N, C-alpha and C. Protein backbone atom coordinates (compact mmCIF):
# COMPACT_ATOMS: atom_id res chain seq x y z
N MET A 1 69.58 96.19 90.42
CA MET A 1 70.96 96.35 90.07
C MET A 1 71.98 96.35 91.28
N VAL A 2 71.49 97.21 92.12
CA VAL A 2 72.59 97.36 93.24
C VAL A 2 72.52 95.97 94.17
N GLY A 3 71.57 95.17 94.03
CA GLY A 3 71.58 93.94 95.01
C GLY A 3 72.66 92.97 94.11
N SER A 4 72.47 93.02 92.93
CA SER A 4 73.39 92.05 92.11
C SER A 4 74.91 92.43 92.10
N THR A 5 74.99 93.70 92.21
CA THR A 5 76.75 94.24 92.28
C THR A 5 77.21 94.17 93.61
N LEU A 6 76.46 94.11 94.84
CA LEU A 6 77.05 93.92 96.10
C LEU A 6 77.93 92.76 96.36
N PRO A 7 77.38 91.58 95.79
CA PRO A 7 78.59 90.39 95.97
C PRO A 7 79.58 90.40 95.28
N VAL A 8 79.48 91.27 93.96
CA VAL A 8 80.89 91.39 93.33
C VAL A 8 81.96 92.27 94.13
N VAL A 9 81.23 93.25 94.49
CA VAL A 9 82.09 94.18 95.19
C VAL A 9 82.54 93.50 96.50
N PHE A 10 81.91 92.83 97.21
CA PHE A 10 82.31 92.06 98.21
C PHE A 10 83.54 91.11 98.17
N ALA A 11 83.37 90.49 96.94
CA ALA A 11 84.28 89.44 96.45
C ALA A 11 85.48 90.03 96.05
N ALA A 12 85.43 91.49 95.48
CA ALA A 12 86.65 91.96 95.02
C ALA A 12 87.52 92.49 96.53
N LYS A 13 86.76 92.90 97.21
CA LYS A 13 87.43 93.36 98.74
C LYS A 13 87.92 92.26 99.36
N VAL A 14 87.34 91.00 99.07
CA VAL A 14 88.12 89.58 99.81
C VAL A 14 89.22 89.39 99.39
N MET A 15 89.24 89.57 97.81
CA MET A 15 90.59 89.22 97.07
C MET A 15 91.65 90.27 97.54
N ASP A 16 91.23 91.57 97.56
CA ASP A 16 92.27 92.65 98.18
C ASP A 16 93.04 92.06 99.36
N MET A 17 92.02 91.69 100.24
CA MET A 17 92.30 91.40 101.64
C MET A 17 93.45 90.29 101.55
N ARG A 18 92.99 89.31 100.86
CA ARG A 18 93.91 88.34 100.80
C ARG A 18 95.43 88.40 100.07
N LYS A 19 95.41 89.46 99.20
CA LYS A 19 96.74 89.87 98.53
C LYS A 19 97.44 90.72 99.57
N LEU A 20 96.79 91.58 100.36
CA LEU A 20 97.51 92.31 101.22
C LEU A 20 98.20 91.41 102.65
N ALA A 21 97.34 90.33 102.90
CA ALA A 21 97.55 89.44 103.89
C ALA A 21 98.96 88.84 103.38
N ARG A 22 98.68 88.23 102.20
CA ARG A 22 100.00 87.54 101.37
C ARG A 22 101.41 88.53 101.51
N ARG A 23 101.14 89.83 101.19
CA ARG A 23 102.16 90.70 101.04
C ARG A 23 102.66 91.15 102.40
N ASN A 24 101.98 91.12 103.32
CA ASN A 24 102.33 91.42 104.77
C ASN A 24 103.03 90.05 105.29
N LYS A 25 102.76 88.97 105.06
CA LYS A 25 103.37 87.67 105.20
C LYS A 25 104.90 87.68 104.68
N GLU A 26 105.16 87.96 103.38
CA GLU A 26 106.56 87.97 102.67
C GLU A 26 107.15 89.27 103.32
N GLY A 27 106.54 90.45 103.66
CA GLY A 27 107.43 91.42 104.38
C GLY A 27 107.89 90.98 105.62
N ARG A 28 107.05 90.48 106.50
CA ARG A 28 107.52 89.84 107.88
C ARG A 28 108.76 88.94 107.69
N SER A 29 108.49 87.87 106.85
CA SER A 29 109.82 86.78 106.64
C SER A 29 111.18 87.45 105.95
N ARG A 30 110.72 88.64 105.25
CA ARG A 30 111.92 89.23 104.48
C ARG A 30 112.78 89.88 105.83
N THR A 31 111.92 90.85 106.74
CA THR A 31 112.61 91.52 107.74
C THR A 31 113.35 90.62 108.63
N GLU A 32 112.70 89.34 108.89
CA GLU A 32 113.17 88.46 110.03
C GLU A 32 114.57 87.64 109.65
N ARG A 33 114.54 87.68 108.15
CA ARG A 33 115.94 87.01 107.68
C ARG A 33 117.01 87.99 107.82
N GLU A 34 116.75 89.42 107.44
CA GLU A 34 117.76 90.31 107.77
C GLU A 34 117.93 90.68 109.10
């Protein structure tokens, strides 16, 4: 069971990292405009 759940947790972390990266990019572009 543990071995089968590891890939799922890893995928979830990768998705979170992508969301955070996208949010950081948006935040930077917003501050640069102002």
